[in-house]
Amino acid sequence: MNMMEHPSCNTRGVGVFLELRKRLLSGLLIVSKEVAGSADHVLVTRGASSLVVRTPRGQLELTLPTGVSFTEGSCIPTPGESSEEELHFRLRITVEQSSHKEASDCVTETLRAKQTYCFYCQGCMTRLLEDRVFKRVLPLPNGSWNAIVDDWCCHPDPFASKKLLPRADDCLLGDTFVLLARDSSCTQTLTEEKPCRRVTFVSCASCSSVLGEAVSPEALKLYVTQVVVEPAVGDPRPAALSRQVYILTLAARLLKLSNSLSTFHFSVQTPDGNAFLLLWLLNSDSIIASVPEKCVGNDSSSAVHSSPLRAARALKLLYITCSDADAPQREVVSHWETSVIAHPLVLPLKVCEELQRVINHSHSELPSSMRSMRSYQVAYLRL
């Protein structure tokens, strides 16, 4: 969940921060003045597959992704960007062409027609549905299609009172969910709760995790962050993955939607339609590393340095938490709502809260000079 994992260093002070931009072939290095008193005390060199930062505290080696390398001698201090607490440097990188595959967005990338699948609860790995063979696996219209239907029709909305529902052998793919028909096993594996008139939640009977919604007596909406979908090969149940793996698949989903819809604004909403987070995807080519101050040259960090510190691909986001918005941010929220510029992403409340915690943690790992931009806060989501 962190930009970089530091099991023995639990501190908010940032010692070294690195952001590389693959498209711009450039990078930003920020070193705390607690780590190096002046720019003259910082030396950046190129390792075999890494960037090496030497300070009075010691040497820090950051492993870079394959095909990315630091251009020797290109790191220069930028006093105009530095502050009382930070030293800023600009540098150049080279990037080799690669066949790197974009990160998968999990369930929506897995499903194919005429193949057999098993559905499991992500929380407890209980089997939810009977084996399924879908005759059709089809994408649904994007999440805001009903908001622009008036632009398609010269008469009143013909879809106003109709739902798009799957047939018995269909699987319909939404931005953050799949729609499919119920089967006879649902009465044993799923429970329902109706907290309000608009939504009937569907939960796992074994662990009570909210999995999705009952959109009709015959159809289910299952969120991609809540279920595991595996090809039906043999009997063994798949190994459980950590929760953060499923939360971070949302980063890959954001990137795919941004590329396919040519949009950079997203409104993360709860099933009742309330906006929870506003996300503005600023760039998708970042490679980042954040090392806490106490982990730079500290004797207690020997355990950390026994394994390489790796820079990771990430999305750079501007964001606003709607419930905590101050006056300038509320104006931004109002503008987004009235101008309908954001693509809606509907997720269970628990998942919205988990995503918020991941984003807030990323925000806390940034140098103070990088934590805000105008009325927005800044964070990164790893790919």
Protein backbone atom coordinates (compact mmCIF):
# COMPACT_ATOMS: atom_id res chain seq x y z
CA MET A 1 0.00 0.00 0.00
CA ASN A 2 2.93 2.30 0.59
CA MET A 3 4.94 3.87 -2.17
CA MET A 4 7.77 1.80 -0.79
CA GLU A 5 7.60 -0.68 2.08
CA HIS A 6 9.61 0.12 5.23
CA PRO A 7 8.66 -2.39 7.91
CA SER A 8 11.09 -1.05 10.51
CA CYS A 9 10.56 2.68 9.87
CA ASN A 10 7.16 4.00 10.82
CA THR A 11 7.49 7.75 10.48
CA ARG A 12 5.86 10.56 8.54
CA GLY A 13 9.03 12.62 7.93
CA VAL A 14 10.19 12.23 4.32
CA GLY A 15 13.97 11.90 3.91
CA VAL A 16 14.24 11.26 0.17
CA PHE A 17 11.51 11.52 -2.47
CA LEU A 18 11.95 10.68 -6.15
CA GLU A 19 9.54 11.15 -9.05
CA LEU A 20 10.58 10.23 -12.60
CA ARG A 21 8.47 11.06 -15.66
CA LYS A 22 8.89 8.56 -18.47
CA ARG A 23 7.29 10.75 -21.15
CA LEU A 24 9.31 13.83 -20.21
CA LEU A 25 12.55 11.86 -19.64
CA SER A 26 13.09 13.92 -16.51
CA GLY A 27 12.84 13.62 -12.78
CA LEU A 28 12.54 15.44 -9.46
CA LEU A 29 14.59 14.52 -6.41
CA ILE A 30 13.79 16.03 -3.01
CA VAL A 31 16.13 15.53 -0.04
CA SER A 32 15.28 16.70 3.47
CA LYS A 33 17.73 19.18 4.99
CA GLU A 34 17.76 16.88 8.03
CA VAL A 35 19.42 14.30 5.74
CA ALA A 36 21.73 16.69 3.86
CA GLY A 37 22.33 20.23 5.07
CA SER A 38 23.08 21.63 1.61
CA ALA A 39 23.01 20.63 -2.05
CA ASP A 40 26.80 20.24 -2.01
CA HIS A 41 26.36 17.30 0.35
CA VAL A 42 24.22 15.32 -2.13
CA LEU A 43 25.74 13.19 -4.90
CA VAL A 44 23.57 11.24 -7.35
CA THR A 45 25.12 8.50 -9.50
CA ARG A 46 23.97 5.68 -11.71
CA GLY A 47 24.02 2.06 -10.51
CA ALA A 48 23.71 -1.07 -12.62
CA SER A 49 19.90 -0.85 -12.54
CA SER A 50 19.43 1.82 -9.93
CA LEU A 51 19.82 5.42 -8.88
CA VAL A 52 22.26 5.96 -5.99
CA VAL A 53 21.87 8.92 -3.63
CA ARG A 54 24.83 9.68 -1.34
CA THR A 55 24.35 12.02 1.61
CA PRO A 56 26.19 12.65 4.91
CA ARG A 57 23.80 10.07 6.41
CA GLY A 58 25.04 7.34 4.05
CA GLN A 59 24.18 5.78 0.69
CA LEU A 60 20.68 5.04 -0.56
CA GLU A 61 20.16 2.83 -3.64
CA LEU A 62 16.79 2.93 -5.41
CA THR A 63 16.16 0.14 -7.92
CA LEU A 64 14.49 1.45 -11.09
CA PRO A 65 12.06 -0.39 -13.38
CA THR A 66 13.53 -2.33 -16.29
CA GLY A 67 14.50 -0.05 -19.18
CA VAL A 68 14.74 3.12 -17.06
CA SER A 69 18.15 4.55 -16.16
CA PHE A 70 19.58 7.76 -14.72
CA THR A 71 21.65 9.91 -17.08
CA GLU A 72 25.01 10.26 -15.35
CA GLY A 73 25.94 13.86 -14.49
CA SER A 74 22.49 15.29 -15.21
CA CYS A 75 21.39 15.93 -11.60
CA ILE A 76 21.51 19.65 -10.78
CA PRO A 77 20.19 21.57 -7.74
CA THR A 78 17.30 23.99 -8.27
CA PRO A 79 17.55 26.55 -5.45
CA GLY A 80 14.44 28.38 -6.64
CA GLU A 81 12.32 25.32 -5.87
CA SER A 82 13.98 24.48 -2.55
CA SER A 83 12.52 25.51 0.79
CA GLU A 84 13.62 25.89 4.40
CA GLU A 85 13.13 22.14 4.92
CA GLU A 86 13.89 20.65 1.48
CA LEU A 87 16.58 20.51 -1.20
CA HIS A 88 15.26 20.10 -4.76
CA PHE A 89 17.15 18.64 -7.72
CA ARG A 90 16.23 18.07 -11.37
CA LEU A 91 17.65 15.19 -13.37
CA ARG A 92 17.38 13.39 -16.71
CA ILE A 93 16.62 9.76 -17.47
CA THR A 94 16.68 7.48 -20.49
CA VAL A 95 13.88 5.04 -21.23
CA GLU A 96 14.19 2.04 -23.51
CA GLN A 97 11.20 0.91 -25.54
CA SER A 98 9.62 -2.12 -23.92
CA SER A 99 6.64 -4.41 -24.34
CA HIS A 100 5.49 -3.73 -20.77
CA LYS A 101 1.88 -4.83 -20.39
CA GLU A 102 -0.46 -2.44 -18.63
CA ALA A 103 -1.62 -3.54 -15.21
CA SER A 104 -4.72 -5.75 -15.33
CA ASP A 105 -7.92 -4.43 -13.80
CA CYS A 106 -8.80 -7.86 -12.47
CA VAL A 107 -12.30 -9.29 -13.04
CA THR A 108 -13.18 -7.28 -16.14
CA GLU A 109 -9.97 -8.48 -17.80
CA THR A 110 -10.55 -12.12 -16.88
CA LEU A 111 -13.99 -12.95 -18.20
CA ARG A 112 -14.45 -14.49 -21.66
CA ALA A 113 -17.45 -16.04 -23.39
CA LYS A 114 -17.76 -19.85 -23.56
CA GLN A 115 -15.35 -20.46 -20.66
CA THR A 116 -16.25 -21.83 -17.24
CA TYR A 117 -15.73 -19.63 -14.17
CA CYS A 118 -16.04 -19.86 -10.40
CA PHE A 119 -17.05 -16.87 -8.25
CA TYR A 120 -15.68 -16.51 -4.71
CA CYS A 121 -16.08 -14.00 -1.90
CA GLN A 122 -12.86 -11.99 -1.71
CA GLY A 123 -13.12 -11.73 2.06
CA CYS A 124 -13.40 -15.40 3.04
CA MET A 125 -13.02 -17.24 -0.31
CA THR A 126 -16.44 -18.91 0.02
CA ARG A 127 -17.82 -20.13 -3.29
CA LEU A 128 -20.75 -17.87 -4.16
CA LEU A 129 -22.23 -19.20 -7.40
CA GLU A 130 -22.36 -22.41 -9.38
CA ASP A 131 -19.85 -22.78 -12.20
CA ARG A 132 -20.81 -20.42 -15.00
CA VAL A 133 -20.36 -20.61 -18.75
CA PHE A 134 -21.40 -17.32 -20.34
CA LYS A 135 -22.64 -17.28 -23.91
CA ARG A 136 -22.09 -13.53 -24.03
CA VAL A 137 -19.71 -11.23 -22.15
CA LEU A 138 -20.63 -7.66 -23.11
CA PRO A 139 -19.62 -4.19 -21.94
CA LEU A 140 -22.32 -1.92 -20.57
CA PRO A 141 -22.58 1.71 -21.70
CA ASN A 142 -20.31 3.96 -19.66
CA GLY A 143 -21.54 5.05 -16.25
CA SER A 144 -22.87 8.45 -17.36
CA TRP A 145 -24.77 7.29 -20.44
CA ASN A 146 -28.20 8.20 -19.00
CA ALA A 147 -27.02 11.77 -18.31
CA ILE A 148 -26.43 12.40 -22.02
CA VAL A 149 -29.26 10.31 -23.50
CA ASP A 150 -31.13 13.52 -24.42
CA ASP A 151 -28.34 14.20 -26.93
CA TRP A 152 -29.12 10.92 -28.69
CA CYS A 153 -32.92 11.14 -28.87
CA CYS A 154 -35.31 13.72 -30.29
CA HIS A 155 -38.16 12.46 -28.04
CA PRO A 156 -38.44 11.74 -24.28
CA ASP A 157 -35.91 9.32 -22.78
CA PRO A 158 -37.04 5.81 -23.87
CA PHE A 159 -34.85 4.21 -21.20
CA ALA A 160 -36.15 6.23 -18.24
CA SER A 161 -38.11 3.36 -16.66
CA LYS A 162 -36.01 0.45 -17.93
CA LYS A 163 -32.98 -1.35 -16.51
CA LEU A 164 -30.27 -3.01 -18.53
CA LEU A 165 -30.41 -6.56 -17.20
CA PRO A 166 -28.54 -9.74 -18.21
CA ARG A 167 -30.13 -12.79 -19.73
CA ALA A 168 -29.61 -16.15 -18.06
CA ASP A 169 -26.28 -16.81 -19.82
CA ASP A 170 -25.02 -13.21 -20.02
CA CYS A 171 -22.31 -11.38 -18.14
CA LEU A 172 -22.49 -7.60 -18.50
CA LEU A 173 -19.40 -5.61 -17.58
CA GLY A 174 -19.68 -2.20 -15.90
CA ASP A 175 -16.92 0.16 -14.87
CA THR A 176 -16.62 -1.33 -11.37
CA PHE A 177 -18.99 -4.30 -11.40
CA VAL A 178 -20.40 -7.27 -13.30
CA LEU A 179 -24.10 -7.96 -13.86
CA LEU A 180 -25.21 -11.58 -14.03
CA ALA A 181 -28.22 -13.78 -13.38
CA ARG A 182 -28.84 -15.49 -10.06
CA ASP A 183 -28.67 -19.27 -9.72
CA SER A 184 -30.06 -21.79 -7.24
CA SER A 185 -27.01 -21.54 -4.94
CA CYS A 186 -27.64 -17.87 -4.13
CA THR A 187 -30.19 -18.64 -1.42
CA GLN A 188 -27.49 -20.46 0.60
CA THR A 189 -24.46 -18.26 -0.13
CA LEU A 190 -25.92 -14.74 -0.21
CA THR A 191 -28.00 -12.58 2.08
CA GLU A 192 -29.87 -9.35 1.34
CA GLU A 193 -30.37 -6.11 3.24
CA LYS A 194 -32.35 -3.06 2.17
CA PRO A 195 -31.07 -0.02 4.12
CA CYS A 196 -32.97 2.42 1.89
CA ARG A 197 -35.55 2.40 -0.89
CA ARG A 198 -32.99 2.78 -3.66
CA VAL A 199 -30.54 -0.03 -2.88
CA THR A 200 -30.72 -3.68 -1.79
CA PHE A 201 -27.27 -4.86 -0.73
CA VAL A 202 -26.09 -8.42 -1.30
CA SER A 203 -23.63 -9.85 1.24
CA CYS A 204 -21.69 -13.05 1.75
CA ALA A 205 -23.61 -15.40 4.07
CA SER A 206 -20.34 -16.68 5.57
CA CYS A 207 -18.48 -13.45 6.46
CA SER A 208 -21.13 -10.72 5.93
CA SER A 209 -18.93 -8.76 3.49
CA VAL A 210 -20.99 -6.58 1.15
CA LEU A 211 -20.47 -7.96 -2.35
CA GLY A 212 -22.87 -5.95 -4.47
CA GLU A 213 -26.53 -5.23 -5.05
CA ALA A 214 -29.71 -7.03 -6.05
CA VAL A 215 -30.77 -5.02 -9.10
CA SER A 216 -33.84 -7.22 -9.72
CA PRO A 217 -35.26 -10.53 -8.39
CA GLU A 218 -33.30 -12.31 -11.15
CA ALA A 219 -30.07 -10.30 -11.45
CA LEU A 220 -27.04 -9.44 -9.29
CA LYS A 221 -24.49 -6.66 -9.43
CA LEU A 222 -21.14 -7.83 -7.98
CA TYR A 223 -18.36 -5.29 -7.46
CA VAL A 224 -14.94 -6.21 -8.86
CA THR A 225 -13.22 -5.28 -5.60
CA GLN A 226 -15.37 -7.76 -3.64
CA VAL A 227 -15.19 -11.02 -5.62
CA VAL A 228 -12.57 -13.37 -7.01
CA VAL A 229 -13.27 -14.88 -10.43
CA GLU A 230 -11.21 -17.87 -11.50
CA PRO A 231 -11.40 -20.35 -14.40
CA ALA A 232 -12.97 -23.60 -13.21
CA VAL A 233 -9.92 -25.86 -13.41
CA GLY A 234 -9.96 -28.71 -10.87
CA ASP A 235 -11.38 -28.46 -7.36
CA PRO A 236 -8.80 -26.48 -5.32
CA ARG A 237 -9.93 -23.11 -4.07
CA PRO A 238 -7.65 -20.20 -5.17
CA ALA A 239 -5.27 -18.72 -2.64
CA ALA A 240 -6.56 -15.62 -0.90
CA LEU A 241 -4.87 -12.35 -1.86
CA SER A 242 -4.34 -9.40 0.42
CA ARG A 243 -7.07 -6.77 0.47
CA GLN A 244 -4.75 -4.07 -0.84
CA VAL A 245 -4.32 -6.01 -4.11
CA TYR A 246 -8.00 -5.56 -4.84
CA ILE A 247 -8.10 -1.93 -3.79
CA LEU A 248 -5.11 -1.12 -5.99
CA THR A 249 -6.71 -2.77 -9.03
CA LEU A 250 -8.75 0.43 -9.07
CA ALA A 251 -5.62 2.29 -10.19
CA ALA A 252 -5.43 0.10 -13.28
CA ARG A 253 -9.16 0.60 -13.82
CA LEU A 254 -8.80 4.39 -13.62
CA LEU A 255 -6.01 4.30 -16.20
CA LYS A 256 -7.98 2.11 -18.60
CA LEU A 257 -11.10 4.24 -18.32
CA SER A 258 -9.09 7.43 -18.78
CA ASN A 259 -7.51 6.06 -21.95
CA SER A 260 -10.73 4.65 -23.41
CA LEU A 261 -13.03 7.56 -22.53
CA SER A 262 -10.49 10.39 -22.85
CA THR A 263 -11.43 11.67 -19.41
CA PHE A 264 -9.30 12.59 -16.42
CA HIS A 265 -12.00 13.46 -13.89
CA PHE A 266 -13.67 10.76 -11.76
CA SER A 267 -16.31 10.94 -9.06
CA VAL A 268 -16.10 8.00 -6.67
CA GLN A 269 -19.65 7.50 -5.42
CA THR A 270 -21.49 5.26 -2.98
CA PRO A 271 -24.45 3.20 -4.27
CA ASP A 272 -26.90 5.86 -3.05
CA GLY A 273 -25.39 8.28 -5.57
CA ASN A 274 -23.50 10.52 -3.13
CA ALA A 275 -20.04 11.69 -4.20
CA PHE A 276 -17.33 10.46 -1.81
CA LEU A 277 -14.05 11.39 -3.56
CA LEU A 278 -13.24 13.56 -6.55
CA LEU A 279 -10.19 12.31 -8.43
CA TRP A 280 -8.30 14.15 -11.16
CA LEU A 281 -5.79 11.93 -12.95
CA LEU A 282 -2.85 14.26 -13.50
CA ASN A 283 -0.41 11.85 -15.15
CA SER A 284 0.10 8.11 -15.57
CA ASP A 285 3.81 7.90 -16.40
CA SER A 286 5.26 8.56 -12.95
CA ILE A 287 7.81 6.34 -11.24
CA ILE A 288 8.05 7.16 -7.54
CA ALA A 289 9.90 6.33 -4.35
CA SER A 290 9.48 7.82 -0.88
CA VAL A 291 11.93 6.97 1.91
CA PRO A 292 11.23 8.12 5.50
CA GLU A 293 13.84 10.36 7.05
CA LYS A 294 14.68 7.88 9.81
CA CYS A 295 15.36 5.20 7.21
CA VAL A 296 18.14 7.13 5.49
CA GLY A 297 21.49 6.10 6.97
CA ASN A 298 19.95 5.08 10.30
CA ASP A 299 21.45 2.04 12.03
CA SER A 300 17.95 0.70 12.66
CA SER A 301 17.37 0.57 8.90
CA SER A 302 19.79 -2.29 8.26
CA ALA A 303 16.89 -4.68 7.98
CA VAL A 304 15.27 -2.44 5.41
CA HIS A 305 18.40 -2.24 3.29
CA SER A 306 18.78 -6.04 3.26
CA SER A 307 16.17 -5.98 0.48
CA PRO A 308 16.30 -3.50 -2.41
CA LEU A 309 14.31 -0.27 -2.26
CA ARG A 310 12.31 -0.12 -5.47
CA ALA A 311 10.77 2.79 -7.30
CA ALA A 312 7.28 1.93 -8.57
CA ARG A 313 4.97 2.98 -11.39
CA ALA A 314 2.10 5.12 -10.16
CA LEU A 315 -0.76 7.40 -11.12
CA LYS A 316 -0.49 10.97 -9.86
CA LEU A 317 -3.83 12.24 -8.56
CA LEU A 318 -5.35 15.47 -7.41
CA TYR A 319 -8.21 14.72 -5.04
CA ILE A 320 -10.85 16.14 -2.74
CA THR A 321 -12.61 14.22 0.02
CA CYS A 322 -16.16 15.52 -0.31
CA SER A 323 -17.16 15.09 3.35
CA ASP A 324 -14.10 17.04 4.58
CA ALA A 325 -14.08 19.77 1.93
CA ASP A 326 -13.33 23.33 3.05
CA ALA A 327 -14.98 26.37 1.45
CA PRO A 328 -12.75 26.57 -1.69
CA GLN A 329 -13.02 22.80 -2.15
CA ARG A 330 -16.82 22.90 -1.83
CA GLU A 331 -16.83 25.34 -4.75
CA VAL A 332 -14.84 22.80 -6.78
CA VAL A 333 -17.23 20.00 -5.77
CA SER A 334 -20.21 22.14 -6.80
CA HIS A 335 -18.57 22.96 -10.15
CA TRP A 336 -17.87 19.29 -10.87
CA GLU A 337 -21.48 18.37 -10.05
CA THR A 338 -23.15 21.11 -12.08
CA SER A 339 -20.90 20.77 -15.13
CA VAL A 340 -21.01 16.92 -15.11
CA ILE A 341 -17.32 16.73 -15.99
CA ALA A 342 -16.56 13.68 -13.84
CA HIS A 343 -17.05 10.07 -14.85
CA PRO A 344 -18.91 8.26 -12.01
CA LEU A 345 -17.34 5.23 -10.33
CA VAL A 346 -19.81 3.55 -7.97
CA LEU A 347 -18.33 1.44 -5.16
CA PRO A 348 -19.57 0.10 -1.80
CA LEU A 349 -19.11 2.54 1.08
CA LYS A 350 -16.50 0.29 2.71
CA VAL A 351 -14.43 0.26 -0.49
CA CYS A 352 -14.72 4.05 -0.81
CA GLU A 353 -13.36 4.33 2.74
CA GLU A 354 -10.54 1.87 2.01
CA LEU A 355 -9.58 3.80 -1.11
CA GLN A 356 -9.63 7.03 0.88
CA ARG A 357 -7.25 5.53 3.46
CA VAL A 358 -4.84 4.40 0.72
CA ILE A 359 -4.89 7.86 -0.86
CA ASN A 360 -4.50 9.66 2.47
CA HIS A 361 -1.56 7.43 3.38
CA SER A 362 0.11 8.21 0.06
CA HIS A 363 -0.51 11.91 0.67
CA SER A 364 1.17 11.68 4.08
CA GLU A 365 4.30 10.15 2.48
CA LEU A 366 4.90 13.20 0.27
CA PRO A 367 7.24 16.09 1.02
CA SER A 368 5.33 19.06 2.39
CA SER A 369 5.96 21.10 -0.77
CA MET A 370 4.14 18.49 -2.90
CA ARG A 371 1.05 17.81 -0.81
CA SER A 372 -1.31 20.34 -2.35
CA MET A 373 -2.05 22.04 -5.65
CA ARG A 374 -4.56 24.90 -5.65
CA SER A 375 -7.66 23.59 -3.87
CA TYR A 376 -6.70 19.94 -4.31
CA GLN A 377 -4.59 17.53 -2.32
CA VAL A 378 -1.99 15.36 -4.08
CA ALA A 379 -1.46 11.60 -3.87
CA TYR A 380 -0.19 8.65 -5.91
CA LEU A 381 -1.75 5.25 -6.61
CA ARG A 382 0.66 2.46 -7.45
CA LEU A 383 0.10 0.39 -10.59
